[in-house]
Protein backbone atom coordinates (compact mmCIF):
# COMPACT_ATOMS: atom_id res chain seq x y z
CA MET A 1 -34.04 -37.92 41.94
CA LYS A 2 -32.64 -38.43 45.46
CA THR A 3 -29.11 -39.53 46.21
CA ASN A 4 -27.66 -41.20 49.22
CA GLY A 5 -24.46 -39.11 49.25
CA PRO A 6 -23.96 -35.83 51.07
CA PRO A 7 -25.24 -32.66 49.34
CA LEU A 8 -22.82 -30.69 47.19
CA LEU A 9 -21.42 -27.64 48.87
CA PHE A 10 -21.73 -24.20 47.27
CA PHE A 11 -18.05 -24.08 46.29
CA GLU A 12 -18.32 -27.47 44.60
CA TYR A 13 -21.13 -26.08 42.43
CA VAL A 14 -18.95 -23.10 41.55
CA ALA A 15 -16.09 -25.40 40.59
CA LEU A 16 -18.34 -27.47 38.34
CA VAL A 17 -19.68 -24.37 36.60
CA PHE A 18 -16.25 -22.91 35.95
CA GLY A 19 -14.93 -26.27 34.84
CA ALA A 20 -17.69 -26.62 32.27
CA ALA A 21 -17.08 -23.05 31.08
CA GLY A 22 -13.37 -23.78 30.68
CA TRP A 23 -13.99 -26.85 28.55
CA ALA A 24 -16.48 -24.90 26.47
CA TRP A 25 -13.84 -22.22 25.84
CA VAL A 26 -11.31 -24.87 24.78
CA LEU A 27 -13.87 -26.37 22.41
CA ILE A 28 -14.55 -22.96 20.88
CA GLN A 29 -10.81 -22.47 20.33
CA ILE A 30 -10.45 -25.87 18.66
CA LEU A 31 -13.45 -25.34 16.39
CA ALA A 32 -12.28 -21.87 15.43
CA THR A 33 -8.81 -23.20 14.58
CA LEU A 34 -10.20 -26.05 12.50
CA HIS A 35 -12.39 -23.60 10.62
CA ALA A 36 -9.39 -21.38 9.97
CA LEU A 37 -7.43 -24.33 8.58
CA ASP A 38 -10.22 -25.22 6.16
CA THR A 39 -9.90 -22.14 3.96
CA ASP A 40 -9.13 -23.42 0.48
CA ASP A 41 -12.38 -22.03 -0.89
CA ARG A 42 -12.22 -18.69 0.87
CA PRO A 43 -11.75 -15.55 -1.20
CA PRO A 44 -8.48 -13.61 -0.97
CA PHE A 45 -7.99 -11.45 2.09
CA PRO A 46 -8.77 -7.75 1.60
CA ALA A 47 -6.02 -5.81 -0.13
CA GLY A 48 -5.10 -3.72 2.88
CA ASP A 49 -4.98 -6.61 5.32
CA PRO A 50 -1.47 -8.08 4.75
CA GLN A 51 0.36 -4.75 5.02
CA GLU A 52 1.02 -5.21 8.76
CA ALA A 53 3.16 -8.22 7.91
CA PHE A 54 5.86 -5.88 6.63
CA GLU A 55 6.41 -4.18 9.98
CA HIS A 56 9.13 -6.56 11.16
CA VAL A 57 10.70 -7.98 7.99
CA LYS A 58 14.21 -7.08 6.96
CA SER A 59 14.42 -4.25 4.45
CA VAL A 60 15.79 -4.83 0.95
CA ASP A 61 16.37 -1.13 0.21
CA ARG A 62 20.15 -1.57 0.21
CA GLU A 63 20.00 -4.25 -2.47
CA LEU A 64 17.88 -2.01 -4.70
CA LEU A 65 19.96 1.14 -4.16
CA GLY A 66 23.27 -0.62 -4.81
CA PRO A 67 26.36 1.62 -4.36
CA LEU A 68 24.14 4.60 -3.51
CA ALA A 69 23.00 2.93 -0.28
CA ASP A 70 26.00 4.15 1.74
CA ARG A 71 25.46 7.76 0.63
CA VAL A 72 21.79 8.10 1.58
CA HIS A 73 22.19 7.11 5.21
CA GLY A 74 20.38 9.57 7.46
CA ARG A 75 18.60 11.46 4.69
CA SER A 76 15.06 11.39 3.29
CA VAL A 77 14.14 8.77 0.71
CA CYS A 78 10.61 8.52 -0.72
CA ASP A 79 9.43 4.94 -1.01
CA LYS A 80 6.50 3.01 -2.41
CA VAL A 81 5.80 -0.70 -1.80
CA TRP A 82 2.81 -2.45 -3.36
CA PHE A 83 1.49 -5.90 -4.17
CA ASP A 84 1.24 -6.86 -7.83
CA ASP A 85 -2.47 -7.67 -7.46
CA ASP A 86 -5.39 -6.06 -5.65
CA ALA A 87 -5.55 -8.89 -3.10
CA VAL A 88 -3.28 -11.62 -1.78
CA LEU A 89 -4.56 -15.19 -1.42
CA ILE A 90 -3.60 -16.72 1.93
CA ARG A 91 -5.17 -20.15 2.29
CA GLY A 92 -4.88 -20.80 6.00
CA MET A 93 -2.97 -20.98 9.23
CA GLY A 94 0.78 -21.41 9.40
CA PRO A 95 3.57 -21.31 6.78
CA GLN A 96 2.39 -24.55 5.13
CA HIS A 97 -0.86 -22.81 4.14
CA GLY A 98 0.65 -19.49 3.13
CA SER A 99 1.53 -17.87 -0.16
CA THR A 100 4.54 -16.25 -1.76
CA ALA A 101 3.27 -12.86 -2.90
CA PRO A 102 4.96 -10.84 -5.65
CA ALA A 103 5.37 -7.16 -4.87
CA TRP A 104 7.19 -4.03 -6.04
CA LEU A 105 9.47 -1.48 -4.40
CA THR A 106 10.31 1.99 -5.72
CA LEU A 107 12.78 4.40 -4.10
CA THR A 108 13.04 8.07 -5.11
CA VAL A 109 16.26 9.89 -4.19
CA GLY A 110 16.66 13.32 -5.77
CA SER A 111 16.43 12.81 -9.54
CA GLN A 112 17.30 9.10 -9.25
CA VAL A 113 14.55 6.48 -9.18
CA PHE A 114 15.03 2.77 -8.46
CA VAL A 115 12.35 0.16 -9.15
CA GLY A 116 12.66 -3.47 -8.10
CA ARG A 117 10.61 -6.64 -7.89
CA ILE A 118 10.40 -8.37 -4.52
CA THR A 119 8.52 -11.28 -2.93
CA VAL A 120 7.37 -12.01 0.61
CA ASP A 121 5.94 -15.12 2.29
CA LEU A 122 2.58 -14.51 3.99
CA TRP A 123 0.41 -16.70 6.18
CA ARG A 124 -2.14 -16.47 8.94
CA GLY A 125 -1.50 -16.77 12.68
CA THR A 126 -3.79 -16.69 15.71
CA GLN A 127 -3.58 -15.61 19.29
CA ALA A 128 -5.98 -15.71 22.21
CA GLY A 129 -8.71 -13.13 21.78
CA THR A 130 -9.75 -10.47 24.25
CA GLY A 131 -13.48 -11.01 23.86
CA ALA A 132 -15.74 -12.29 26.62
CA ILE A 133 -15.91 -15.80 25.14
CA GLY A 134 -12.33 -15.88 23.96
CA PHE A 135 -12.60 -16.10 20.16
CA PRO A 136 -9.05 -16.13 18.73
CA GLU A 137 -7.72 -13.10 16.89
CA ARG A 138 -6.16 -13.63 13.49
CA PHE A 139 -3.24 -11.70 12.13
CA THR A 140 -1.00 -11.84 9.09
CA VAL A 141 2.59 -13.03 9.36
CA GLY A 142 5.22 -11.97 6.85
CA ALA A 143 8.71 -13.40 6.50
CA ASN A 144 11.56 -13.93 4.08
CA LEU A 145 11.28 -10.69 2.12
CA ARG A 146 13.46 -11.23 -0.95
CA PHE A 147 14.88 -8.95 -3.60
CA VAL A 148 14.25 -10.47 -7.02
CA GLU A 149 15.62 -8.02 -9.56
CA ARG A 150 16.19 -4.37 -10.38
CA VAL A 151 13.89 -3.15 -13.15
CA PRO A 152 15.77 -1.20 -15.87
CA PRO A 153 14.75 2.38 -16.73
CA PRO A 154 11.96 2.78 -19.32
CA ARG A 155 12.61 3.75 -22.90
CA PRO A 156 12.68 7.52 -23.53
CA GLY A 157 9.59 9.35 -24.70
CA PRO A 158 9.12 12.02 -27.36
CA ALA A 159 11.19 15.18 -27.10
CA GLY A 160 9.97 17.45 -24.33
CA SER A 161 8.03 14.69 -22.51
CA ARG A 162 8.79 13.31 -19.08
CA VAL A 163 8.60 9.57 -18.54
CA ILE A 164 8.03 8.60 -14.91
CA ARG A 165 8.25 5.17 -13.30
CA PRO A 166 5.63 3.21 -11.35
CA GLY A 167 5.74 4.25 -7.71
CA GLU A 168 8.01 7.21 -8.43
CA CYS A 169 7.42 10.25 -6.25
CA VAL A 170 7.15 13.13 -8.73
CA LEU A 171 7.51 16.77 -7.68
CA GLY A 172 5.76 19.43 -9.74
CA SER A 173 4.89 23.12 -9.62
CA THR A 174 1.35 24.52 -9.49
CA GLU A 175 2.28 27.14 -12.11
CA PRO A 176 2.39 28.11 -14.84
CA GLN A 177 -0.80 26.56 -16.13
CA ASP A 178 -2.14 26.46 -19.67
CA ALA A 179 -5.63 27.48 -20.78
CA ALA A 180 -7.02 24.15 -19.54
CA GLY A 181 -5.31 24.50 -16.18
CA VAL A 182 -2.75 21.76 -16.92
CA ILE A 183 0.39 22.00 -14.80
CA GLY A 184 1.92 18.59 -15.47
CA ARG A 185 1.98 15.92 -18.18
CA PHE A 186 3.76 12.62 -17.57
CA LEU A 187 4.12 9.32 -19.43
CA ILE A 188 4.11 6.03 -17.51
CA ASP A 189 4.20 2.38 -18.61
CA LEU A 190 1.42 0.34 -16.99
CA PRO A 191 0.42 -3.33 -17.29
CA ALA A 192 -2.93 -4.63 -18.52
CA GLN A 193 -5.85 -5.61 -16.31
CA ARG A 194 -4.76 -3.75 -13.20
CA SER A 195 -6.45 -1.22 -10.97
CA VAL A 196 -4.19 1.82 -10.77
CA GLY A 197 -4.20 4.23 -7.87
CA VAL A 198 -2.97 7.81 -8.28
CA ARG A 199 -2.00 9.79 -5.19
CA LEU A 200 -1.96 13.56 -5.75
CA LEU A 201 -0.98 15.82 -2.86
CA GLY A 202 -0.60 19.59 -2.79
CA GLU A 203 1.77 21.48 -0.56
CA LEU A 204 0.12 21.67 2.83
CA VAL A 205 0.91 25.31 3.50
CA GLY A 206 -0.79 28.56 2.52
CA ASP A 207 -4.02 28.92 0.58
CA TYR A 208 -5.70 25.92 -0.98
CA VAL A 209 -5.15 25.27 -4.71
CA PRO A 210 -7.61 22.68 -6.12
CA LEU A 211 -5.92 19.92 -8.12
CA ALA A 212 -7.13 16.95 -10.17
CA GLU A 213 -5.53 14.19 -12.23
CA LYS A 214 -6.56 12.19 -15.29
CA LEU A 215 -5.18 9.02 -16.87
CA THR A 216 -5.49 8.49 -20.63
CA LEU A 217 -4.26 6.04 -23.27
CA ASP A 218 -4.00 7.08 -26.91
CA GLY A 219 -6.11 10.15 -26.14
CA HIS A 220 -8.95 8.21 -24.51
CA ASP A 221 -9.86 8.44 -20.83
CA VAL A 222 -9.12 5.32 -18.81
CA PRO A 223 -12.29 4.08 -17.03
CA THR A 224 -12.42 4.23 -13.25
CA VAL A 225 -13.63 1.63 -10.79
CA ARG A 226 -15.41 2.81 -7.71
CA GLY A 227 -13.54 2.31 -4.46
CA ASP A 228 -14.92 1.40 -1.08
CA GLU A 229 -15.01 3.44 2.11
CA PHE A 230 -11.28 2.88 2.60
CA ARG A 231 -10.02 3.46 -0.95
CA ALA A 232 -10.67 6.17 -3.50
CA ASP A 233 -11.75 5.43 -7.05
CA ARG A 234 -9.06 3.78 -9.18
CA TYR A 235 -8.35 3.48 -12.89
CA ARG A 236 -8.71 0.16 -14.69
CA THR A 237 -6.20 -0.57 -17.48
CA GLU A 238 -7.38 -2.75 -20.34
CA ARG A 239 -3.99 -3.36 -21.98
CA ASP A 240 -0.28 -2.78 -21.61
CA GLY A 241 0.80 0.59 -22.84
CA ARG A 242 2.35 3.98 -22.25
CA TYR A 243 -0.29 6.01 -20.48
CA GLU A 244 -0.44 9.77 -20.01
CA LEU A 245 -0.99 11.13 -16.51
CA THR A 246 -2.19 14.73 -16.51
CA VAL A 247 -2.31 17.02 -13.47
CA ARG A 248 -4.28 20.26 -13.62
CA ARG A 249 -5.59 23.03 -11.47
CA THR A 250 -9.35 23.24 -11.33
CA ASP A 251 -9.52 26.92 -10.48
CA SER A 252 -9.67 29.50 -13.28
CA PRO A 253 -6.56 30.19 -15.41
CA ASP A 254 -6.58 33.82 -14.30
CA ALA A 255 -6.42 32.91 -10.59
CA ARG A 256 -3.89 35.01 -8.78
CA ARG A 257 -0.35 33.78 -9.16
CA ALA A 258 1.17 31.65 -6.45
CA THR A 259 3.03 33.64 -3.84
CA GLY A 260 4.51 32.72 -0.50
CA GLY A 261 0.95 32.20 0.74
CA ARG A 262 -0.17 29.81 -2.03
CA TRP A 263 0.50 26.14 -2.67
CA ARG A 264 3.45 26.22 -5.03
CA ARG A 265 4.29 22.52 -5.33
CA TYR A 266 2.60 19.13 -5.47
CA THR A 267 3.60 15.48 -5.58
CA VAL A 268 1.99 12.71 -7.59
CA GLU A 269 2.62 8.97 -7.84
CA ALA A 270 0.90 6.10 -9.64
CA ALA A 271 1.04 2.36 -8.99
CA TRP A 272 -1.23 -0.61 -9.54
CA GLY A 273 -2.34 -3.39 -7.20
CA ALA A 274 -2.68 -3.11 -3.44
CA SER A 275 -0.65 -0.48 -1.65
CA ILE A 276 1.47 -1.64 1.30
CA THR A 277 3.45 1.40 2.41
CA GLY A 278 4.55 4.69 0.91
CA SER A 279 5.91 8.15 1.58
CA CYS A 280 5.52 10.83 -1.08
CA GLU A 281 4.92 14.42 0.02
CA PRO A 282 6.14 17.85 -1.06
CA PRO A 283 9.29 18.99 0.77
CA ASP A 284 8.76 20.43 4.24
CA SER A 285 10.67 20.94 7.47
CA TYR A 286 10.42 17.21 8.22
CA GLY A 287 12.02 15.87 5.07
CA ASN A 288 12.86 16.33 1.41
CA CYS A 289 13.63 13.29 -0.71
CA PHE A 290 14.14 15.49 -3.78
CA MET A 291 17.52 16.82 -2.64
CA GLU A 292 20.32 15.48 -4.80
CA VAL A 293 22.77 13.10 -3.17
CA GLN A 294 26.24 14.60 -2.80
CA PRO A 295 29.11 12.57 -4.25
């Protein structure tokens, strides 16, 4: 079709093209945001996703430690923070579509262990993406971390047994071992219908000593659930109870005794739900949370 007006110049064509592209980008942003807001039927976010929300929230360690807080300043403290469930449901964008997630905090200082319940508010936020067509990037926002209560110590176990607490960083020795290679037996109270992760770490110095753990209840092995590429297999508890956590060496009982060149110590911790953060390693030149606090 012919027109009576003057022909469009090259730069006018360029302006039209870029203008159309700009409006298209705005439309994409709007549609993406509307889709993000309509998330009531979406499944919970993956368990590991909300952990970044804790990077900037105020710590509640002092409230859990109580009077001990002023005496641990500048020294190593092993910590474990985890959500009560395997995943956290966040329904959409902004605080009005967020969730208050229950979580747990355990601090290990020498022979003292503190366990507390906490909560944190979580929701989704967006920012301009870096892709070629500008899709927005989503991230998790965390705020208002609150200390709920300090959990009292568990009831004692039979004579000679050691009762540990959820999230406690436990230090053990790789010898002596019995005929089955067992080097540690611990009792721990766990809730029903939870996936329990056990983190076992040998001393990272000297020759390798193979280690393995097992969780049992009333003498029966607790079934495991297969993890994904990011998480190892976990144990699935069927009911509340006092479980036994066993650590053993998988080399032969007559393996040469540990010397300065062998792993002599290990750490183990157990907690259910989705892990957020944690530090539990055998003592080294970088830190040792198992040193007793001086009065």
